[in-house]
Amino acid sequence: MPIIISENTVDSDFINKVEEISGQPFHKCMQCGTCSGSCPMIEKMVLTPRSVLQMTNFGMKEKVSEANTVWLCASCHTCLVRCPRGLDLPKIMEAIRLLTLRKNQNYIEPFEIEKERIAELPPIALVSCFRKHTA
């Protein structure tokens, strides 16, 4: 699917903030696709990690924010280990999540989870979930 870029879709502030928060020079990505080929969550993602990097590099904040990719990233670091440029993609995904959550909108509502369900879930999974999905 070709990516169509217009002046209206480019958010240079988004590009700068993602780079500042992540500390990663993601513009150095050569689009080899190793991150996507290595990702254990790829089958559930709307956009591939490679596409997220490319769209972020083009400042396509809305398209990146609407996709489930940054929320499904398991931060397993497989992409980091295999990236020929050494880009820490989990840090980039975290930066995008943080920018999304700074809108003070929760991706999930913790108080809507049933108490019985909370009791059966591992505490570390809950902490990780709340860290990633709540403002």
N, C-alpha and C. Protein backbone atom coordinates (compact mmCIF):
# COMPACT_ATOMS: atom_id res chain seq x y z
N MET A 1 0.85 -1.17 0.00
CA MET A 1 0.00 0.00 0.00
C MET A 1 0.90 1.24 0.00
N PRO A 2 0.78 2.09 -1.01
CA PRO A 2 1.62 3.29 -1.05
C PRO A 2 1.19 4.31 -0.01
N ILE A 3 2.16 5.01 0.52
CA ILE A 3 1.90 6.04 1.51
C ILE A 3 1.84 7.38 0.79
N ILE A 4 0.72 8.07 0.96
CA ILE A 4 0.54 9.37 0.32
C ILE A 4 0.81 10.45 1.35
N ILE A 5 1.73 11.35 1.02
CA ILE A 5 2.13 12.40 1.94
C ILE A 5 1.77 13.75 1.34
N SER A 6 1.13 14.57 2.13
CA SER A 6 0.87 15.94 1.71
C SER A 6 1.30 16.87 2.84
N GLU A 7 1.36 18.14 2.57
CA GLU A 7 1.78 19.09 3.59
C GLU A 7 0.85 19.05 4.79
N ASN A 8 -0.41 18.70 4.58
CA ASN A 8 -1.38 18.66 5.68
C ASN A 8 -1.15 17.48 6.62
N THR A 9 -0.49 16.43 6.14
CA THR A 9 -0.30 15.26 6.98
C THR A 9 1.01 15.27 7.75
N VAL A 10 1.96 16.10 7.36
CA VAL A 10 3.26 16.11 8.00
C VAL A 10 3.22 16.94 9.28
N ASP A 11 3.59 16.30 10.39
CA ASP A 11 3.64 16.97 11.69
C ASP A 11 5.09 16.94 12.16
N SER A 12 5.83 17.99 11.85
CA SER A 12 7.26 18.02 12.18
C SER A 12 7.48 18.07 13.69
N ASP A 13 6.53 18.62 14.44
CA ASP A 13 6.63 18.64 15.89
C ASP A 13 6.61 17.21 16.44
N PHE A 14 5.77 16.36 15.85
CA PHE A 14 5.68 14.95 16.23
C PHE A 14 7.02 14.26 15.99
N ILE A 15 7.63 14.51 14.85
CA ILE A 15 8.93 13.91 14.52
C ILE A 15 9.96 14.30 15.58
N ASN A 16 10.03 15.57 15.90
CA ASN A 16 11.01 16.06 16.87
C ASN A 16 10.76 15.50 18.26
N LYS A 17 9.50 15.43 18.67
CA LYS A 17 9.18 14.92 20.01
C LYS A 17 9.49 13.43 20.14
N VAL A 18 9.18 12.66 19.13
CA VAL A 18 9.47 11.21 19.18
C VAL A 18 10.98 11.01 19.27
N GLU A 19 11.73 11.75 18.48
CA GLU A 19 13.19 11.62 18.52
C GLU A 19 13.75 12.07 19.86
N GLU A 20 13.19 13.15 20.42
CA GLU A 20 13.67 13.66 21.71
C GLU A 20 13.37 12.69 22.84
N ILE A 21 12.13 12.18 22.90
CA ILE A 21 11.74 11.28 23.98
C ILE A 21 12.46 9.94 23.88
N SER A 22 12.55 9.40 22.66
CA SER A 22 13.16 8.07 22.49
C SER A 22 14.68 8.12 22.52
N GLY A 23 15.25 9.26 22.12
CA GLY A 23 16.70 9.35 22.02
C GLY A 23 17.24 8.56 20.85
N GLN A 24 16.37 8.21 19.91
CA GLN A 24 16.76 7.38 18.78
C GLN A 24 16.73 8.17 17.48
N PRO A 25 17.79 8.09 16.68
CA PRO A 25 17.81 8.77 15.37
C PRO A 25 17.09 7.92 14.33
N PHE A 26 15.77 7.79 14.46
CA PHE A 26 15.02 6.86 13.62
C PHE A 26 15.05 7.23 12.14
N HIS A 27 15.47 8.44 11.82
CA HIS A 27 15.61 8.82 10.41
C HIS A 27 16.73 8.01 9.74
N LYS A 28 17.54 7.32 10.53
CA LYS A 28 18.62 6.50 9.97
C LYS A 28 18.14 5.11 9.55
N CYS A 29 16.86 4.82 9.80
CA CYS A 29 16.30 3.53 9.40
C CYS A 29 16.39 3.39 7.89
N MET A 30 16.91 2.25 7.43
CA MET A 30 17.07 2.05 5.98
C MET A 30 15.94 1.21 5.40
N GLN A 31 14.89 0.99 6.19
CA GLN A 31 13.68 0.30 5.74
C GLN A 31 13.96 -1.11 5.21
N CYS A 32 14.83 -1.84 5.92
CA CYS A 32 15.16 -3.20 5.50
C CYS A 32 14.06 -4.20 5.86
N GLY A 33 13.24 -3.87 6.87
CA GLY A 33 12.14 -4.74 7.27
C GLY A 33 12.51 -5.82 8.26
N THR A 34 13.74 -5.82 8.75
CA THR A 34 14.18 -6.83 9.72
C THR A 34 13.33 -6.77 10.99
N CYS A 35 12.98 -5.57 11.42
CA CYS A 35 12.16 -5.41 12.64
C CYS A 35 10.80 -6.09 12.46
N SER A 36 10.19 -5.89 11.31
CA SER A 36 8.88 -6.49 11.05
C SER A 36 8.99 -8.00 10.91
N GLY A 37 10.04 -8.47 10.25
CA GLY A 37 10.25 -9.90 10.08
C GLY A 37 10.56 -10.61 11.38
N SER A 38 11.06 -9.88 12.37
CA SER A 38 11.44 -10.45 13.66
C SER A 38 10.34 -10.36 14.71
N CYS A 39 9.35 -9.53 14.48
CA CYS A 39 8.35 -9.22 15.50
C CYS A 39 7.41 -10.39 15.78
N PRO A 40 7.32 -10.83 17.04
CA PRO A 40 6.40 -11.93 17.36
C PRO A 40 4.93 -11.51 17.36
N MET A 41 4.65 -10.22 17.35
CA MET A 41 3.27 -9.73 17.40
C MET A 41 2.76 -9.26 16.03
N ILE A 42 3.54 -9.44 14.99
CA ILE A 42 3.25 -8.89 13.67
C ILE A 42 1.87 -9.28 13.13
N GLU A 43 1.42 -10.49 13.41
CA GLU A 43 0.15 -10.96 12.85
C GLU A 43 -1.05 -10.18 13.38
N LYS A 44 -0.91 -9.56 14.54
CA LYS A 44 -2.03 -8.82 15.14
C LYS A 44 -1.96 -7.32 14.85
N MET A 45 -0.86 -6.86 14.27
CA MET A 45 -0.65 -5.42 14.06
C MET A 45 -1.28 -4.94 12.76
N VAL A 46 -1.88 -3.76 12.82
CA VAL A 46 -2.45 -3.13 11.64
C VAL A 46 -1.33 -2.62 10.73
N LEU A 47 -0.33 -1.98 11.31
CA LEU A 47 0.85 -1.52 10.58
C LEU A 47 2.06 -2.30 11.06
N THR A 48 2.98 -2.58 10.17
CA THR A 48 4.21 -3.25 10.57
C THR A 48 5.10 -2.25 11.32
N PRO A 49 6.02 -2.73 12.15
CA PRO A 49 6.96 -1.82 12.81
C PRO A 49 7.73 -0.97 11.80
N ARG A 50 8.10 -1.55 10.67
CA ARG A 50 8.80 -0.80 9.63
C ARG A 50 7.94 0.34 9.11
N SER A 51 6.65 0.08 8.92
CA SER A 51 5.73 1.13 8.46
C SER A 51 5.59 2.23 9.49
N VAL A 52 5.54 1.86 10.77
CA VAL A 52 5.44 2.86 11.84
C VAL A 52 6.66 3.76 11.81
N LEU A 53 7.85 3.17 11.65
CA LEU A 53 9.06 3.98 11.56
C LEU A 53 9.01 4.93 10.37
N GLN A 54 8.60 4.41 9.22
CA GLN A 54 8.54 5.23 8.02
C GLN A 54 7.52 6.36 8.19
N MET A 55 6.35 6.05 8.70
CA MET A 55 5.31 7.06 8.87
C MET A 55 5.70 8.09 9.93
N THR A 56 6.39 7.63 10.97
CA THR A 56 6.87 8.56 11.99
C THR A 56 7.91 9.49 11.39
N ASN A 57 8.78 8.94 10.58
CA ASN A 57 9.80 9.74 9.92
C ASN A 57 9.19 10.79 8.99
N PHE A 58 8.00 10.50 8.46
CA PHE A 58 7.30 11.44 7.60
C PHE A 58 6.33 12.33 8.39
N GLY A 59 6.29 12.16 9.72
CA GLY A 59 5.43 13.01 10.55
C GLY A 59 3.95 12.70 10.43
N MET A 60 3.62 11.47 10.14
CA MET A 60 2.22 11.08 9.95
C MET A 60 1.61 10.64 11.29
N LYS A 61 1.51 11.59 12.19
CA LYS A 61 1.08 11.34 13.57
C LYS A 61 -0.27 10.63 13.66
N GLU A 62 -1.25 11.10 12.93
CA GLU A 62 -2.59 10.53 13.03
C GLU A 62 -2.63 9.06 12.60
N LYS A 63 -1.99 8.73 11.50
CA LYS A 63 -1.99 7.34 11.03
C LYS A 63 -1.28 6.43 12.01
N VAL A 64 -0.17 6.91 12.57
CA VAL A 64 0.59 6.11 13.53
C VAL A 64 -0.22 5.95 14.82
N SER A 65 -0.84 7.02 15.27
CA SER A 65 -1.61 6.99 16.52
C SER A 65 -2.86 6.13 16.42
N GLU A 66 -3.46 6.07 15.25
CA GLU A 66 -4.69 5.29 15.06
C GLU A 66 -4.43 3.79 14.99
N ALA A 67 -3.23 3.40 14.62
CA ALA A 67 -2.90 1.97 14.48
C ALA A 67 -2.67 1.33 15.85
N ASN A 68 -2.85 0.03 15.92
CA ASN A 68 -2.67 -0.68 17.19
C ASN A 68 -1.22 -1.11 17.42
N THR A 69 -0.34 -0.85 16.50
CA THR A 69 1.03 -1.36 16.54
C THR A 69 1.78 -0.96 17.80
N VAL A 70 1.76 0.32 18.16
CA VAL A 70 2.53 0.75 19.34
C VAL A 70 1.98 0.15 20.61
N TRP A 71 0.68 -0.19 20.62
CA TRP A 71 0.07 -0.78 21.82
C TRP A 71 0.36 -2.26 21.92
N LEU A 72 0.56 -2.91 20.79
CA LEU A 72 0.83 -4.35 20.79
C LEU A 72 2.31 -4.69 20.90
N CYS A 73 3.17 -3.71 20.74
CA CYS A 73 4.61 -3.95 20.88
C CYS A 73 4.89 -4.55 22.26
N ALA A 74 5.49 -5.72 22.28
CA ALA A 74 5.77 -6.42 23.53
C ALA A 74 7.07 -5.96 24.18
N SER A 75 7.78 -5.05 23.54
CA SER A 75 9.07 -4.58 24.03
C SER A 75 10.01 -5.75 24.33
N CYS A 76 10.00 -6.72 23.44
CA CYS A 76 10.83 -7.92 23.63
C CYS A 76 12.27 -7.68 23.17
N HIS A 77 12.50 -6.61 22.43
CA HIS A 77 13.81 -6.18 21.94
C HIS A 77 14.40 -7.07 20.85
N THR A 78 13.59 -7.94 20.26
CA THR A 78 14.08 -8.76 19.16
C THR A 78 14.48 -7.87 17.99
N CYS A 79 13.67 -6.85 17.74
CA CYS A 79 13.97 -5.93 16.63
C CYS A 79 15.27 -5.17 16.89
N LEU A 80 15.50 -4.77 18.13
CA LEU A 80 16.73 -4.06 18.50
C LEU A 80 17.95 -4.93 18.25
N VAL A 81 17.87 -6.17 18.68
CA VAL A 81 18.99 -7.09 18.53
C VAL A 81 19.32 -7.34 17.06
N ARG A 82 18.31 -7.38 16.23
CA ARG A 82 18.51 -7.71 14.81
C ARG A 82 18.66 -6.50 13.89
N CYS A 83 18.38 -5.30 14.38
CA CYS A 83 18.45 -4.11 13.54
C CYS A 83 19.89 -3.82 13.12
N PRO A 84 20.16 -3.75 11.80
CA PRO A 84 21.52 -3.47 11.35
C PRO A 84 22.00 -2.06 11.71
N ARG A 85 21.07 -1.17 12.00
CA ARG A 85 21.43 0.20 12.38
C ARG A 85 21.44 0.39 13.90
N GLY A 86 21.04 -0.64 14.64
CA GLY A 86 21.05 -0.56 16.10
C GLY A 86 19.98 0.34 16.67
N LEU A 87 18.90 0.56 15.93
CA LEU A 87 17.82 1.41 16.44
C LEU A 87 17.02 0.66 17.49
N ASP A 88 16.74 1.34 18.59
CA ASP A 88 15.96 0.75 19.67
C ASP A 88 14.49 1.06 19.41
N LEU A 89 13.86 0.21 18.60
CA LEU A 89 12.47 0.41 18.21
C LEU A 89 11.52 0.40 19.40
N PRO A 90 11.72 -0.44 20.43
CA PRO A 90 10.83 -0.36 21.59
C PRO A 90 10.84 1.04 22.26
N LYS A 91 11.97 1.73 22.25
CA LYS A 91 12.01 3.09 22.79
C LYS A 91 11.19 4.04 21.92
N ILE A 92 11.21 3.83 20.62
CA ILE A 92 10.44 4.66 19.71
C ILE A 92 8.95 4.39 19.91
N MET A 93 8.58 3.12 20.05
CA MET A 93 7.17 2.77 20.31
C MET A 93 6.70 3.37 21.63
N GLU A 94 7.55 3.31 22.64
CA GLU A 94 7.21 3.90 23.94
C GLU A 94 7.02 5.40 23.82
N ALA A 95 7.86 6.07 23.06
CA ALA A 95 7.73 7.52 22.87
C ALA A 95 6.40 7.85 22.21
N ILE A 96 6.00 7.07 21.22
CA ILE A 96 4.73 7.31 20.54
C ILE A 96 3.56 7.07 21.49
N ARG A 97 3.66 6.01 22.31
CA ARG A 97 2.61 5.76 23.31
C ARG A 97 2.51 6.93 24.28
N LEU A 98 3.66 7.41 24.76
CA LEU A 98 3.66 8.53 25.70
C LEU A 98 3.02 9.77 25.09
N LEU A 99 3.35 10.07 23.85
CA LEU A 99 2.75 11.23 23.20
C LEU A 99 1.25 11.08 23.04
N THR A 100 0.81 9.86 22.78
CA THR A 100 -0.63 9.60 22.66
C THR A 100 -1.31 9.75 24.01
N LEU A 101 -0.68 9.22 25.05
CA LEU A 101 -1.28 9.29 26.38
C LEU A 101 -1.23 10.69 26.98
N ARG A 102 -0.35 11.53 26.49
CA ARG A 102 -0.29 12.91 26.99
C ARG A 102 -1.53 13.71 26.63
N LYS A 103 -2.36 13.13 25.79
CA LYS A 103 -3.64 13.77 25.47
C LYS A 103 -4.63 13.56 26.62
N ASN A 104 -4.17 12.85 27.68
CA ASN A 104 -4.99 12.51 28.84
C ASN A 104 -6.20 11.66 28.48
N GLN A 105 -6.01 10.75 27.55
CA GLN A 105 -7.04 9.79 27.19
C GLN A 105 -6.50 8.40 27.45
N ASN A 106 -7.23 7.62 28.22
CA ASN A 106 -6.82 6.25 28.49
C ASN A 106 -7.17 5.36 27.32
N TYR A 107 -6.26 4.46 26.97
CA TYR A 107 -6.52 3.48 25.93
C TYR A 107 -7.44 2.39 26.49
N ILE A 108 -7.30 2.10 27.78
CA ILE A 108 -8.23 1.24 28.51
C ILE A 108 -8.59 1.95 29.80
N GLU A 109 -9.71 1.59 30.39
CA GLU A 109 -10.14 2.18 31.66
C GLU A 109 -9.95 1.14 32.77
N PRO A 110 -8.99 1.35 33.66
CA PRO A 110 -8.70 0.37 34.71
C PRO A 110 -9.90 0.04 35.60
N PHE A 111 -10.73 1.02 35.89
CA PHE A 111 -11.86 0.78 36.79
C PHE A 111 -13.02 0.05 36.12
N GLU A 112 -12.93 -0.18 34.84
CA GLU A 112 -13.95 -0.94 34.13
C GLU A 112 -13.62 -2.43 34.07
N ILE A 113 -12.43 -2.81 34.52
CA ILE A 113 -12.04 -4.22 34.54
C ILE A 113 -12.69 -4.88 35.75
N GLU A 114 -13.31 -6.01 35.52
CA GLU A 114 -13.99 -6.73 36.60
C GLU A 114 -13.00 -7.18 37.67
N LYS A 115 -13.41 -7.10 38.94
CA LYS A 115 -12.52 -7.47 40.05
C LYS A 115 -12.08 -8.93 39.96
N GLU A 116 -12.96 -9.79 39.50
CA GLU A 116 -12.62 -11.21 39.36
C GLU A 116 -11.52 -11.39 38.32
N ARG A 117 -11.60 -10.62 37.26
CA ARG A 117 -10.60 -10.70 36.19
C ARG A 117 -9.24 -10.20 36.70
N ILE A 118 -9.26 -9.11 37.46
CA ILE A 118 -8.02 -8.57 38.02
C ILE A 118 -7.37 -9.59 38.95
N ALA A 119 -8.17 -10.28 39.75
CA ALA A 119 -7.64 -11.26 40.70
C ALA A 119 -6.93 -12.42 40.01
N GLU A 120 -7.34 -12.77 38.81
CA GLU A 120 -6.73 -13.91 38.14
C GLU A 120 -5.53 -13.54 37.25
N LEU A 121 -5.30 -12.25 37.05
CA LEU A 121 -4.19 -11.81 36.20
C LEU A 121 -2.91 -11.63 37.00
N PRO A 122 -1.76 -11.92 36.41
CA PRO A 122 -0.48 -11.71 37.11
C PRO A 122 -0.26 -10.21 37.35
N PRO A 123 0.16 -9.83 38.55
CA PRO A 123 0.38 -8.41 38.86
C PRO A 123 1.32 -7.70 37.88
N ILE A 124 2.36 -8.40 37.43
CA ILE A 124 3.30 -7.75 36.51
C ILE A 124 2.62 -7.41 35.18
N ALA A 125 1.68 -8.25 34.75
CA ALA A 125 0.94 -7.97 33.51
C ALA A 125 0.04 -6.76 33.70
N LEU A 126 -0.57 -6.64 34.86
CA LEU A 126 -1.42 -5.48 35.13
C LEU A 126 -0.61 -4.19 35.16
N VAL A 127 0.52 -4.23 35.85
CA VAL A 127 1.37 -3.04 35.93
C VAL A 127 1.84 -2.63 34.53
N SER A 128 2.27 -3.60 33.74
CA SER A 128 2.70 -3.31 32.38
C SER A 128 1.57 -2.74 31.55
N CYS A 129 0.42 -3.32 31.67
CA CYS A 129 -0.76 -2.86 30.93
C CYS A 129 -1.11 -1.43 31.32
N PHE A 130 -1.18 -1.14 32.60
CA PHE A 130 -1.54 0.20 33.05
C PHE A 130 -0.47 1.22 32.67
N ARG A 131 0.79 0.81 32.68
CA ARG A 131 1.87 1.73 32.29
C ARG A 131 1.74 2.10 30.82
N LYS A 132 1.40 1.13 30.02
CA LYS A 132 1.32 1.37 28.57
C LYS A 132 0.02 2.02 28.13
N HIS A 133 -1.07 1.73 28.83
CA HIS A 133 -2.38 2.08 28.29
C HIS A 133 -3.17 3.13 29.05
N THR A 134 -2.58 3.72 30.07
CA THR A 134 -3.32 4.76 30.80
C THR A 134 -2.51 6.03 30.92
N ALA A 135 -3.23 7.13 30.95
CA ALA A 135 -2.56 8.44 31.01
C ALA A 135 -2.15 8.71 32.38
